[in-house]
């Protein structure tokens, strides 16, 4: 779900895009004199798993973790890194790092935040025996391959060494100058001593070190709400300006929107598709519309009949060309989305819309028919396995656009295809994780950190925890690794775009459009802003 390089991660143009396109009443200033005693009620979704940082790779759980925990670094509204737990992160060769922690930091149970808090949590996340969804994020560290190998009993990575309570060293398997700037992502959060003795129980009521904490035992009322209150011991750039944040879990966004305009909900992250044409009039100046580092895709697992091998590649290309992205974004989203030209997002440094293979994302129904016919000549389509597109019905209001995509495919290719709704995001994510999907999947990405690499490695490299398509291409894996080891931002971006050329040919997922933050807030709150990744800056919101 969420970095890149140097002190300024996004390009100047990208930062300007965020600032100029954001509308509504958001403020860049810290709250001064507002009602800091207000509890802010916001929309959320039921986390897929117990809240262990290395086992959470979806937005419902991620939003909670990012408030309850603090990593070595965090990111400001524009995506620039800022120290949190780290006093310093030093290297002379971009391969061997010495990390020194700030003094006196504690978890909310009083335990000190030490070097072991990080090292033990990272080792747990990497070890194959623990089957953590975010294990991929540790692959740069020396010894990861031995710990993460299938069936391995190795529980520690050789590249991690605790020097003393406030210092540890990290040896990478190759030089990667931007590695420290990934360290604000939730996979790299620390854990208190004893947390891993019973991870499932800990994950129901996690003890963190961030700006908020669980209100009390039982604060997570499953499928209803999660109550957070400020952590009075936290001192950092994201200090709470309110008396707490309650995530109210809705079964659909339409109900959430009605609560918003009735002032029964303070902040709604995403306006339902059915209300996009009216939300600005409904909310007055209490809305935002701003591009962010996110995209929408349809992932097609390679374990499905009809969708692997050369015939499968041709069918993927045909499917992509049968979708009229421009019409859907104009009509359904009221021009509030931009058709995708590649696999990342335009706000990122290094983005290019003219990559070889981008023509596979253009609407071309005649070419789509020809490609489908080529696939049929190689291997006839098994009509006993008609295509479905899975989507969650609780968040995002996906039904309308999924039906539009379905109609495009039916009309242009003449095949049977249908949407397959799931009641909750948790349910559909569980099937994707367990690789038991019976069709394609409404997918997408909210960046973990603002870099091209984050839209490629965690989603499409072999064995990555978010590789819903179960795509395996050793040449692509090698190219991503080469990009990570590049000596400059520009060189790394060029290599990542070369890796994208492979994706544009193979299409393990079909990029649809780039995401735009379209959210709103009630008359009861102010100082509402959304960050570079489309997430509201919850800690800064105050009451009136």
Protein backbone atom coordinates (compact mmCIF):
# COMPACT_ATOMS: atom_id res chain seq x y z
CA UNK A 1 0.00 0.00 0.00
CA UNK A 2 2.57 3.08 0.38
CA UNK A 3 9.27 6.30 -0.93
CA UNK A 4 12.28 6.91 -3.22
CA UNK A 5 15.39 8.99 -2.92
CA UNK A 6 17.26 12.08 -1.81
CA UNK A 7 15.73 14.79 0.36
CA UNK A 8 13.05 15.58 -2.21
CA UNK A 9 11.37 12.42 -3.43
CA UNK A 10 8.77 13.80 -5.80
CA UNK A 11 9.79 16.06 -8.65
CA UNK A 12 9.02 19.78 -8.40
CA UNK A 13 6.38 19.35 -11.09
CA UNK A 14 4.73 16.52 -9.19
CA UNK A 15 4.60 18.51 -5.96
CA UNK A 16 3.08 21.41 -7.87
CA UNK A 17 0.45 19.09 -9.28
CA UNK A 18 -0.60 18.08 -5.79
CA UNK A 19 -0.82 21.68 -4.62
CA UNK A 20 -2.54 23.24 -7.61
CA UNK A 21 -5.18 20.59 -8.22
CA UNK A 22 -6.28 20.22 -4.60
CA UNK A 23 -9.50 22.10 -3.93
CA UNK A 24 -11.78 22.59 -0.97
CA UNK A 25 -10.93 23.77 2.53
CA UNK A 26 -7.75 21.86 3.36
CA UNK A 27 -4.96 23.66 5.17
CA UNK A 28 -1.20 23.18 5.17
CA UNK A 29 -0.85 24.90 8.54
CA UNK A 30 -0.75 23.15 11.90
CA UNK A 31 -3.91 23.57 13.93
CA UNK A 32 -3.73 26.53 16.29
CA UNK A 33 -6.59 27.44 18.58
CA UNK A 34 -9.08 24.98 17.07
CA UNK A 35 -11.06 22.39 19.01
CA UNK A 36 -8.46 19.78 19.82
CA UNK A 37 -10.91 17.98 22.13
CA UNK A 38 -12.93 16.56 19.25
CA UNK A 39 -12.87 12.86 18.35
CA UNK A 40 -12.76 12.62 14.56
CA UNK A 41 -14.96 9.94 12.99
CA UNK A 42 -13.69 8.70 9.60
CA UNK A 43 -14.59 5.91 7.21
CA UNK A 44 -12.58 2.69 7.28
CA UNK A 45 -12.66 -0.93 6.17
CA UNK A 46 -12.22 -4.14 8.14
CA UNK A 47 -8.52 -5.14 8.16
CA UNK A 48 -7.80 -8.46 6.47
CA UNK A 49 -5.56 -9.80 9.25
CA UNK A 50 -4.56 -9.14 12.85
CA UNK A 51 -2.59 -5.91 12.89
CA UNK A 52 0.97 -7.16 12.62
CA UNK A 53 2.99 -4.71 10.46
CA UNK A 54 4.58 -7.38 8.28
CA UNK A 55 1.26 -9.15 7.71
CA UNK A 56 -0.70 -6.10 6.55
CA UNK A 57 -0.61 -5.09 2.90
CA UNK A 58 -4.07 -3.60 2.38
CA UNK A 59 -5.38 -0.12 3.02
CA UNK A 60 -7.86 -0.89 5.83
CA UNK A 61 -5.23 -2.26 8.15
CA UNK A 62 -2.52 0.04 6.83
CA UNK A 63 -4.40 3.18 7.86
CA UNK A 64 -4.53 1.93 11.46
CA UNK A 65 -0.89 0.82 11.57
CA UNK A 66 0.31 4.19 10.28
CA UNK A 67 -1.26 5.93 13.26
CA UNK A 68 -0.40 3.37 15.93
CA UNK A 69 3.26 2.85 14.94
CA UNK A 70 6.20 5.07 14.02
CA UNK A 71 9.10 3.84 11.91
CA UNK A 72 12.63 5.08 11.50
CA UNK A 73 11.29 7.74 9.14
CA UNK A 74 7.86 9.02 8.11
CA UNK A 75 6.68 11.15 5.17
CA UNK A 76 5.20 14.62 5.09
CA UNK A 77 2.20 15.62 2.99
CA UNK A 78 4.31 15.83 -0.19
CA UNK A 79 6.09 12.52 0.41
CA UNK A 80 9.40 13.95 1.66
CA UNK A 81 11.05 11.83 4.39
CA UNK A 82 11.48 13.05 7.95
CA UNK A 83 13.14 11.32 10.89
CA UNK A 84 10.90 9.62 13.43
CA UNK A 85 12.68 6.99 15.54
CA UNK A 86 15.98 7.43 13.71
CA UNK A 87 18.55 9.88 14.96
CA UNK A 88 20.68 9.07 11.92
CA UNK A 89 20.97 6.59 9.05
CA UNK A 90 24.56 6.61 7.77
CA UNK A 91 26.47 4.87 5.00
CA UNK A 92 29.68 5.32 3.04
CA UNK A 93 28.97 2.83 0.27
CA UNK A 94 25.14 2.61 -0.01
CA UNK A 95 25.40 -1.05 1.00
CA UNK A 96 26.34 -1.00 4.68
CA UNK A 97 24.22 1.20 6.92
CA UNK A 98 24.52 2.22 10.56
CA UNK A 99 21.24 3.24 12.20
CA UNK A 100 21.18 5.16 15.47
CA UNK A 101 17.89 5.60 17.30
CA UNK A 102 16.71 8.65 19.17
CA UNK A 103 17.06 8.43 22.92
CA UNK A 104 14.19 7.77 25.31
CA UNK A 105 11.54 6.56 22.85
CA UNK A 106 9.00 4.06 24.22
CA UNK A 107 6.03 1.95 23.23
CA UNK A 108 2.69 2.76 24.84
CA UNK A 109 3.16 -0.08 27.39
CA UNK A 110 6.35 1.59 28.63
CA UNK A 111 8.79 -0.75 26.87
CA UNK A 112 11.76 1.09 25.35
CA UNK A 113 12.12 1.27 21.56
CA UNK A 114 15.50 -0.36 21.00
CA UNK A 115 17.58 -1.66 18.12
CA UNK A 116 16.21 -5.13 18.87
CA UNK A 117 12.67 -3.79 18.47
CA UNK A 118 13.47 -3.27 14.80
CA UNK A 119 15.81 -6.17 14.15
CA UNK A 120 13.55 -8.79 15.74
CA UNK A 121 10.48 -7.48 13.89
CA UNK A 122 12.30 -7.47 10.54
CA UNK A 123 13.68 -10.96 11.04
CA UNK A 124 10.20 -12.18 11.90
CA UNK A 125 8.84 -10.57 8.75
CA UNK A 126 11.46 -12.16 6.49
CA UNK A 127 11.44 -15.74 7.82
CA UNK A 128 9.57 -18.17 5.57
CA UNK A 129 8.16 -20.06 8.54
CA UNK A 130 6.14 -16.98 9.52
CA UNK A 131 4.54 -16.51 6.07
CA UNK A 132 4.29 -12.74 6.27
CA UNK A 133 2.67 -10.91 3.36
CA UNK A 134 5.26 -8.11 3.33
CA UNK A 135 8.35 -10.29 3.48
CA UNK A 136 9.37 -9.03 0.02
CA UNK A 137 10.31 -5.64 1.48
CA UNK A 138 13.31 -7.22 3.25
CA UNK A 139 14.78 -8.86 0.16
CA UNK A 140 17.53 -6.23 -0.16
CA UNK A 141 19.03 -7.27 3.20
CA UNK A 142 21.86 -9.82 3.14
CA UNK A 143 20.66 -13.23 4.27
CA UNK A 144 17.08 -12.67 3.16
CA UNK A 145 17.26 -15.43 0.54
CA UNK A 146 18.26 -18.02 3.14
CA UNK A 147 15.57 -16.95 5.60
CA UNK A 148 12.80 -16.63 3.01
CA UNK A 149 13.48 -19.84 1.05
CA UNK A 150 10.54 -22.24 1.02
CA UNK A 151 10.87 -24.71 3.91
CA UNK A 152 13.75 -22.77 5.47
CA UNK A 153 14.24 -22.98 9.23
CA UNK A 154 16.54 -19.93 9.25
CA UNK A 155 14.97 -17.25 11.44
CA UNK A 156 17.43 -14.36 11.14
CA UNK A 157 19.05 -12.41 8.32
CA UNK A 158 22.84 -12.26 8.38
CA UNK A 159 22.75 -8.61 7.33
CA UNK A 160 21.21 -7.39 10.60
CA UNK A 161 23.37 -6.85 13.69
CA UNK A 162 22.45 -5.23 17.01
CA UNK A 163 25.38 -3.13 18.24
CA UNK A 164 23.77 -1.72 21.38
CA UNK A 165 20.33 -0.60 22.55
CA UNK A 166 20.30 2.41 20.24
CA UNK A 167 22.38 1.16 17.32
CA UNK A 168 22.13 -1.55 14.68
CA UNK A 169 23.77 -2.16 11.34
CA UNK A 170 22.30 -3.34 8.07
CA UNK A 171 24.26 -4.98 5.26
CA UNK A 172 22.49 -5.16 1.92
CA UNK A 173 23.21 -7.75 -0.73
CA UNK A 174 24.01 -4.94 -3.19
CA UNK A 175 24.42 -1.15 -3.00
CA UNK A 176 21.03 0.63 -2.96
CA UNK A 177 21.30 4.33 -2.24
CA UNK A 178 17.56 4.85 -1.81
CA UNK A 179 17.10 1.99 0.65
CA UNK A 180 16.79 4.22 3.77
CA UNK A 181 13.92 6.13 2.23
CA UNK A 182 11.73 3.02 2.14
CA UNK A 183 11.91 2.74 5.91
CA UNK A 184 8.71 4.61 6.66
CA UNK A 185 6.60 1.80 5.23
CA UNK A 186 4.71 -0.31 7.78
CA UNK A 187 6.72 -3.50 7.11
CA UNK A 188 9.69 -1.77 8.78
CA UNK A 189 7.89 -0.76 11.97
CA UNK A 190 9.32 -1.94 15.33
CA UNK A 191 7.58 -4.28 17.76
CA UNK A 192 7.81 -4.37 21.55
CA UNK A 193 9.42 -7.28 23.34
CA UNK A 194 7.00 -10.17 23.69
CA UNK A 195 4.76 -9.15 20.79
CA UNK A 196 5.83 -12.11 18.67
CA UNK A 197 5.19 -14.73 21.37
CA UNK A 198 1.51 -14.62 20.35
CA UNK A 199 1.20 -12.48 17.19
CA UNK A 200 -2.50 -13.18 16.63
CA UNK A 201 -3.47 -11.94 20.09
CA UNK A 202 -1.11 -8.97 19.85
CA UNK A 203 -2.61 -8.06 16.48
CA UNK A 204 -6.07 -7.67 17.97
CA UNK A 205 -4.84 -4.93 20.32
CA UNK A 206 -1.42 -3.85 19.07
CA UNK A 207 0.96 -1.85 21.24
CA UNK A 208 2.81 0.72 19.16
CA UNK A 209 4.95 3.81 19.42
CA UNK A 210 3.12 6.19 17.08
CA UNK A 211 0.92 9.26 17.54
CA UNK A 212 -2.13 7.16 18.53
CA UNK A 213 -2.93 4.02 20.47
CA UNK A 214 -5.93 1.72 20.84
CA UNK A 215 -8.49 3.37 23.13
CA UNK A 216 -8.82 0.28 25.32
CA UNK A 217 -9.00 -3.49 25.23
CA UNK A 218 -11.71 -4.29 22.69
CA UNK A 219 -11.29 -1.01 20.79
CA UNK A 220 -11.41 -3.04 17.59
CA UNK A 221 -15.07 -3.98 17.28
CA UNK A 222 -14.90 -6.18 14.21
CA UNK A 223 -16.85 -4.97 11.18
CA UNK A 224 -18.05 -1.97 13.19
CA UNK A 225 -15.28 0.37 14.28
CA UNK A 226 -11.75 0.84 15.61
CA UNK A 227 -11.20 3.55 18.25
CA UNK A 228 -7.84 5.29 18.58
CA UNK A 229 -6.81 7.94 21.12
CA UNK A 230 -3.66 10.10 21.21
CA UNK A 231 -0.43 8.66 22.57
CA UNK A 232 0.62 11.37 25.01
CA UNK A 233 4.20 10.07 25.04
CA UNK A 234 4.67 10.56 21.29
CA UNK A 235 6.87 13.46 20.23
CA UNK A 236 7.25 13.84 16.51
CA UNK A 237 6.03 15.51 13.32
CA UNK A 238 2.63 13.77 13.40
CA UNK A 239 1.50 14.70 16.89
CA UNK A 240 -2.29 14.42 17.29
CA UNK A 241 -4.23 17.68 17.04
CA UNK A 242 -7.49 16.03 18.12
CA UNK A 243 -8.79 13.79 20.93
CA UNK A 244 -8.83 10.65 18.83
CA UNK A 245 -9.74 9.05 15.52
CA UNK A 246 -12.52 6.48 15.23
CA UNK A 247 -12.59 4.41 12.04
CA UNK A 248 -16.21 3.54 11.33
CA UNK A 249 -16.46 0.44 9.14
CA UNK A 250 -19.17 0.75 6.51
CA UNK A 251 -20.66 -1.99 4.35
CA UNK A 252 -20.92 0.43 1.42
CA UNK A 253 -19.70 3.92 0.56
CA UNK A 254 -23.17 5.21 -0.29
CA UNK A 255 -24.23 4.91 3.35
CA UNK A 256 -20.98 6.59 4.38
CA UNK A 257 -21.65 9.47 1.99
CA UNK A 258 -25.14 10.00 3.38
CA UNK A 259 -23.64 10.09 6.88
CA UNK A 260 -21.10 12.66 5.66
CA UNK A 261 -23.64 15.11 4.27
CA UNK A 262 -25.71 14.62 7.43
CA UNK A 263 -22.66 15.42 9.61
CA UNK A 264 -22.72 11.93 11.13
CA UNK A 265 -19.30 11.21 9.61
CA UNK A 266 -16.43 13.70 9.75
CA UNK A 267 -14.20 12.57 6.88
CA UNK A 268 -14.88 10.36 3.86
CA UNK A 269 -11.75 9.33 2.01
CA UNK A 270 -13.44 8.35 -1.28
CA UNK A 271 -16.64 9.75 -2.76
CA UNK A 272 -18.85 6.96 -4.18
CA UNK A 273 -18.90 6.75 -7.97
CA UNK A 274 -22.65 7.40 -7.99
CA UNK A 275 -22.16 10.75 -6.22
CA UNK A 276 -19.13 12.10 -8.09
CA UNK A 277 -21.23 14.39 -10.29
CA UNK A 278 -22.88 16.04 -7.31
CA UNK A 279 -20.42 15.97 -4.40
CA UNK A 280 -18.96 19.43 -4.98
CA UNK A 281 -22.40 21.02 -4.91
CA UNK A 282 -23.42 18.89 -1.93
CA UNK A 283 -20.37 19.80 0.14
CA UNK A 284 -19.72 23.42 -0.78
CA UNK A 285 -16.03 24.05 -0.06
CA UNK A 286 -15.60 20.88 2.02
CA UNK A 287 -14.07 18.62 -0.64
CA UNK A 288 -10.79 17.74 -2.26
CA UNK A 289 -9.92 16.54 -5.75
CA UNK A 290 -6.23 15.89 -6.25
CA UNK A 291 -4.09 13.32 -8.09
CA UNK A 292 -2.07 10.98 -5.92
CA UNK A 293 0.30 8.05 -6.21
CA UNK A 294 -2.23 5.33 -6.94
CA UNK A 295 -3.78 3.39 -9.79
CA UNK A 296 -6.62 1.01 -10.63
CA UNK A 297 -6.00 -2.31 -12.39
CA UNK A 298 -7.55 -5.68 -13.13
CA UNK A 299 -5.22 -8.54 -12.18
CA UNK A 300 -5.60 -11.83 -14.06
CA UNK A 301 -4.03 -14.79 -12.22
CA UNK A 302 -1.86 -17.06 -14.33
CA UNK A 303 -3.30 -20.11 -12.57
CA UNK A 304 -6.63 -19.59 -14.37
CA UNK A 305 -7.61 -21.63 -17.41
CA UNK A 306 -7.28 -19.64 -20.66
CA UNK A 307 -4.89 -17.01 -19.30
CA UNK A 308 -1.36 -18.45 -19.33
CA UNK A 309 1.16 -19.19 -22.09
CA UNK A 310 1.31 -17.42 -25.46
CA UNK A 311 -2.43 -17.71 -26.01
CA UNK A 312 -2.99 -16.19 -22.58
CA UNK A 313 -0.73 -13.25 -23.42
CA UNK A 314 -2.67 -12.55 -26.61
CA UNK A 315 -5.96 -12.74 -24.72
CA UNK A 316 -4.69 -10.31 -22.08
CA UNK A 317 -3.71 -7.84 -24.80
CA UNK A 318 -7.08 -8.30 -26.51
CA UNK A 319 -8.94 -7.74 -23.25
CA UNK A 320 -6.96 -4.57 -22.59
CA UNK A 321 -7.66 -3.13 -26.05
CA UNK A 322 -11.36 -3.92 -25.69
CA UNK A 323 -11.72 -1.52 -22.73
CA UNK A 324 -12.61 2.09 -23.50
CA UNK A 325 -10.78 3.75 -20.62
CA UNK A 326 -11.35 7.29 -21.85
CA UNK A 327 -15.12 6.86 -22.09
CA UNK A 328 -15.35 5.24 -18.66
CA UNK A 329 -13.26 7.93 -16.95
CA UNK A 330 -15.23 10.70 -18.71
CA UNK A 331 -18.72 9.35 -18.15
CA UNK A 332 -18.60 7.35 -14.93
CA UNK A 333 -15.95 9.37 -13.11
CA UNK A 334 -16.95 12.74 -14.60
CA UNK A 335 -13.38 13.22 -15.87
CA UNK A 336 -12.11 12.57 -12.33
CA UNK A 337 -9.64 9.89 -13.46
CA UNK A 338 -6.97 9.73 -16.19
CA UNK A 339 -6.64 6.66 -18.47
CA UNK A 340 -3.51 4.67 -17.66
CA UNK A 341 -0.55 4.62 -20.03
CA UNK A 342 1.65 2.36 -17.89
CA UNK A 343 1.81 0.67 -14.45
CA UNK A 344 2.76 3.49 -12.04
CA UNK A 345 1.35 7.03 -11.55
CA UNK A 346 2.00 10.43 -13.20
CA UNK A 347 2.87 12.20 -9.92
CA UNK A 348 6.03 10.11 -9.56
CA UNK A 349 9.49 11.20 -10.62
CA UNK A 350 10.51 9.25 -13.74
CA UNK A 351 6.99 8.69 -15.04
CA UNK A 352 6.73 8.30 -18.82
CA UNK A 353 3.55 7.81 -20.82
CA UNK A 354 5.36 6.88 -24.04
CA UNK A 355 6.89 3.53 -23.15
CA UNK A 356 7.08 0.82 -25.82
CA UNK A 357 4.04 -1.40 -25.34
CA UNK A 358 1.78 1.40 -24.10
CA UNK A 359 -0.29 0.89 -27.24
CA UNK A 360 -1.64 -2.24 -25.54
CA UNK A 361 -3.54 0.07 -23.19
CA UNK A 362 -5.23 2.01 -25.99
CA UNK A 363 -8.82 1.35 -27.02
CA UNK A 364 -8.65 -0.58 -30.29
CA UNK A 365 -11.59 -2.98 -30.66
CA UNK A 366 -10.59 -4.16 -34.14
CA UNK A 367 -7.08 -5.06 -33.02
CA UNK A 368 -8.59 -6.71 -29.93
CA UNK A 369 -10.67 -9.01 -32.14
CA UNK A 370 -7.62 -9.93 -34.22
CA UNK A 371 -5.55 -10.75 -31.14
CA UNK A 372 -8.37 -12.86 -29.73
CA UNK A 373 -8.55 -14.77 -33.01
CA UNK A 374 -4.79 -15.38 -32.90
CA UNK A 375 -5.14 -16.80 -29.40
CA UNK A 376 -7.99 -19.06 -30.58
CA UNK A 377 -5.78 -20.43 -33.36
CA UNK A 378 -3.15 -21.35 -30.79
CA UNK A 379 -5.45 -22.74 -28.11
CA UNK A 380 -9.27 -22.58 -28.16
CA UNK A 381 -10.89 -20.65 -25.31
CA UNK A 382 -12.43 -22.99 -22.73
CA UNK A 383 -15.97 -21.66 -22.42
CA UNK A 384 -16.53 -23.86 -19.37
CA UNK A 385 -14.40 -21.30 -17.49
CA UNK A 386 -16.05 -17.94 -18.37
CA UNK A 387 -14.30 -14.83 -17.16
CA UNK A 388 -15.43 -13.07 -13.99
CA UNK A 389 -14.06 -9.87 -12.45
CA UNK A 390 -14.11 -9.96 -8.65
CA UNK A 391 -14.67 -6.74 -6.72
CA UNK A 392 -15.54 -5.75 -3.18
CA UNK A 393 -18.94 -4.18 -2.63
CA UNK A 394 -18.20 -2.49 0.71
CA UNK A 395 -15.70 0.18 -0.32
CA UNK A 396 -14.97 2.15 -3.48
CA UNK A 397 -18.35 1.74 -5.23
CA UNK A 398 -16.72 -0.44 -7.90
CA UNK A 399 -19.85 -2.04 -9.33
CA UNK A 400 -20.60 0.74 -11.83
CA UNK A 401 -17.23 0.79 -13.53
CA UNK A 402 -16.80 -3.00 -13.40
CA UNK A 403 -20.10 -3.35 -15.25
CA UNK A 404 -18.90 -0.83 -17.84
CA UNK A 405 -15.71 -2.85 -18.37
CA UNK A 406 -17.75 -6.05 -18.61
CA UNK A 407 -19.96 -4.50 -21.29
CA UNK A 408 -16.93 -3.30 -23.27
CA UNK A 409 -15.47 -6.81 -23.28
CA UNK A 410 -18.77 -8.49 -24.15
CA UNK A 411 -19.52 -6.08 -27.00
CA UNK A 412 -16.04 -6.06 -28.49
CA UNK A 413 -14.94 -9.68 -28.04
CA UNK A 414 -18.28 -11.49 -27.85
CA UNK A 415 -17.27 -13.60 -24.85
CA UNK A 416 -19.12 -14.35 -21.64
CA UNK A 417 -17.91 -12.19 -18.77
CA UNK A 418 -19.50 -10.89 -15.57
CA UNK A 419 -18.74 -9.00 -12.39
CA UNK A 420 -18.40 -11.04 -9.21
CA UNK A 421 -19.15 -9.00 -6.08
CA UNK A 422 -17.77 -9.88 -2.64
CA UNK A 423 -19.40 -8.47 0.46
CA UNK A 424 -16.14 -7.14 1.91
CA UNK A 425 -12.64 -6.18 0.83
CA UNK A 426 -11.31 -8.59 3.44
CA UNK A 427 -13.04 -11.55 1.74
CA UNK A 428 -11.73 -10.85 -1.73
CA UNK A 429 -8.21 -10.09 -0.43
CA UNK A 430 -8.18 -13.41 1.42
CA UNK A 431 -8.93 -15.33 -1.78
CA UNK A 432 -6.28 -13.36 -3.65
CA UNK A 433 -3.71 -14.10 -0.95
CA UNK A 434 -4.62 -17.78 -0.84
CA UNK A 435 -4.59 -17.95 -4.66
CA UNK A 436 -8.10 -19.39 -4.83
CA UNK A 437 -9.68 -16.79 -7.12
CA UNK A 438 -11.81 -18.25 -9.90
CA UNK A 439 -11.47 -15.22 -12.15
CA UNK A 440 -9.84 -11.82 -12.55
CA UNK A 441 -9.66 -9.33 -9.68
CA UNK A 442 -10.35 -5.63 -9.27
CA UNK A 443 -6.99 -4.54 -7.94
CA UNK A 444 -4.81 -1.47 -7.77
CA UNK A 445 -2.15 0.20 -5.66
CA UNK A 446 -1.89 2.99 -3.13
CA UNK A 447 1.82 3.73 -2.94
CA UNK A 448 3.88 2.68 0.06
CA UNK A 449 6.56 5.20 -0.88
CA UNK A 450 6.77 7.54 -3.90
CA UNK A 451 8.90 5.68 -6.40
CA UNK A 452 8.38 3.76 -9.61
CA UNK A 453 9.95 0.71 -7.94
CA UNK A 454 7.14 0.49 -5.39
CA UNK A 455 4.58 -0.02 -8.17
CA UNK A 456 6.63 -2.85 -9.69
CA UNK A 457 8.59 -4.96 -7.20
CA UNK A 458 5.95 -5.66 -4.50
CA UNK A 459 3.28 -6.44 -7.10
CA UNK A 460 4.96 -8.23 -9.99
CA UNK A 461 8.25 -9.82 -8.91
CA UNK A 462 8.20 -13.57 -8.32
CA UNK A 463 6.72 -14.48 -4.94
CA UNK A 464 5.98 -10.91 -3.83
CA UNK A 465 3.18 -10.66 -1.27
CA UNK A 466 0.96 -8.47 -3.47
CA UNK A 467 1.55 -10.45 -6.68
CA UNK A 468 -2.13 -11.28 -7.18
CA UNK A 469 -1.51 -12.43 -10.75
CA UNK A 470 1.21 -14.87 -9.59
CA UNK A 471 3.36 -13.48 -12.38
CA UNK A 472 6.82 -15.03 -12.75
CA UNK A 473 9.38 -13.51 -15.10
CA UNK A 474 13.06 -13.86 -14.11
CA UNK A 475 14.09 -11.17 -16.62
CA UNK A 476 11.67 -8.72 -15.06
CA UNK A 477 12.91 -9.63 -11.54
CA UNK A 478 16.50 -9.01 -12.63
CA UNK A 479 15.65 -5.67 -14.21
CA UNK A 480 13.92 -4.44 -11.04
CA UNK A 481 16.95 -5.50 -9.00
CA UNK A 482 19.20 -3.65 -11.44
CA UNK A 483 17.08 -0.52 -11.06
CA UNK A 484 17.30 -0.65 -7.28
CA UNK A 485 21.10 -0.79 -7.51
CA UNK A 486 21.36 2.19 -9.87
CA UNK A 487 23.74 4.98 -8.87
CA UNK A 488 21.27 7.81 -9.43
CA UNK A 489 17.55 8.50 -9.36
CA UNK A 490 17.48 9.12 -13.08
CA UNK A 491 19.32 5.90 -13.94
CA UNK A 492 17.11 3.90 -11.62
CA UNK A 493 13.96 5.33 -13.19
CA UNK A 494 15.19 4.52 -16.69
CA UNK A 495 15.79 0.91 -15.67
CA UNK A 496 12.41 0.63 -13.95
CA UNK A 497 10.76 1.85 -17.13
CA UNK A 498 12.63 -0.84 -19.06
CA UNK A 499 11.11 -3.34 -16.65
CA UNK A 500 7.71 -1.82 -17.36
CA UNK A 501 8.11 -2.62 -21.04
CA UNK A 502 7.96 -6.32 -20.11
CA UNK A 503 4.79 -5.75 -18.10
CA UNK A 504 3.19 -3.84 -20.96
CA UNK A 505 3.74 -6.86 -23.21
CA UNK A 506 2.80 -9.60 -20.72
CA UNK A 507 -0.01 -7.69 -18.94
CA UNK A 508 -0.23 -9.69 -15.70
CA UNK A 509 -2.68 -6.93 -14.81
CA UNK A 510 -4.55 -4.47 -16.99
CA UNK A 511 -3.82 -0.87 -15.92
CA UNK A 512 -7.06 1.11 -16.18
CA UNK A 513 -6.60 4.64 -14.81
CA UNK A 514 -4.65 6.75 -12.37
CA UNK A 515 -6.34 7.55 -9.09
CA UNK A 516 -7.47 10.92 -7.81
CA UNK A 517 -8.25 11.70 -4.19
CA UNK A 518 -11.91 12.72 -4.16
CA UNK A 519 -13.00 13.10 -0.57
CA UNK A 520 -15.00 15.33 1.71
CA UNK A 521 -15.62 16.34 5.30
CA UNK A 522 -18.41 17.51 7.57
CA UNK A 523 -19.21 20.98 8.88
CA UNK A 524 -17.88 19.91 12.29
CA UNK A 525 -14.17 19.69 11.37
CA UNK A 526 -11.44 21.73 9.74
CA UNK A 527 -7.74 21.49 8.86
CA UNK A 528 -8.48 18.56 6.57
CA UNK A 529 -5.79 17.69 4.05
CA UNK A 530 -4.88 14.61 2.05
CA UNK A 531 -1.30 13.42 1.60
CA UNK A 532 0.73 12.43 -1.44
CA UNK A 533 -0.72 8.88 -1.27
CA UNK A 534 -4.37 9.93 -1.13
CA UNK A 535 -4.74 9.32 2.62
CA UNK A 536 -6.18 12.06 4.87
CA UNK A 537 -3.72 13.52 7.37
CA UNK A 538 -5.83 12.31 10.28
CA UNK A 539 -3.54 13.61 13.00
CA UNK A 540 -3.95 17.23 11.78
CA UNK A 541 -7.76 17.32 11.71
CA UNK A 542 -9.45 19.41 14.39
CA UNK A 543 -13.03 20.13 15.44
CA UNK A 544 -14.65 23.51 15.09
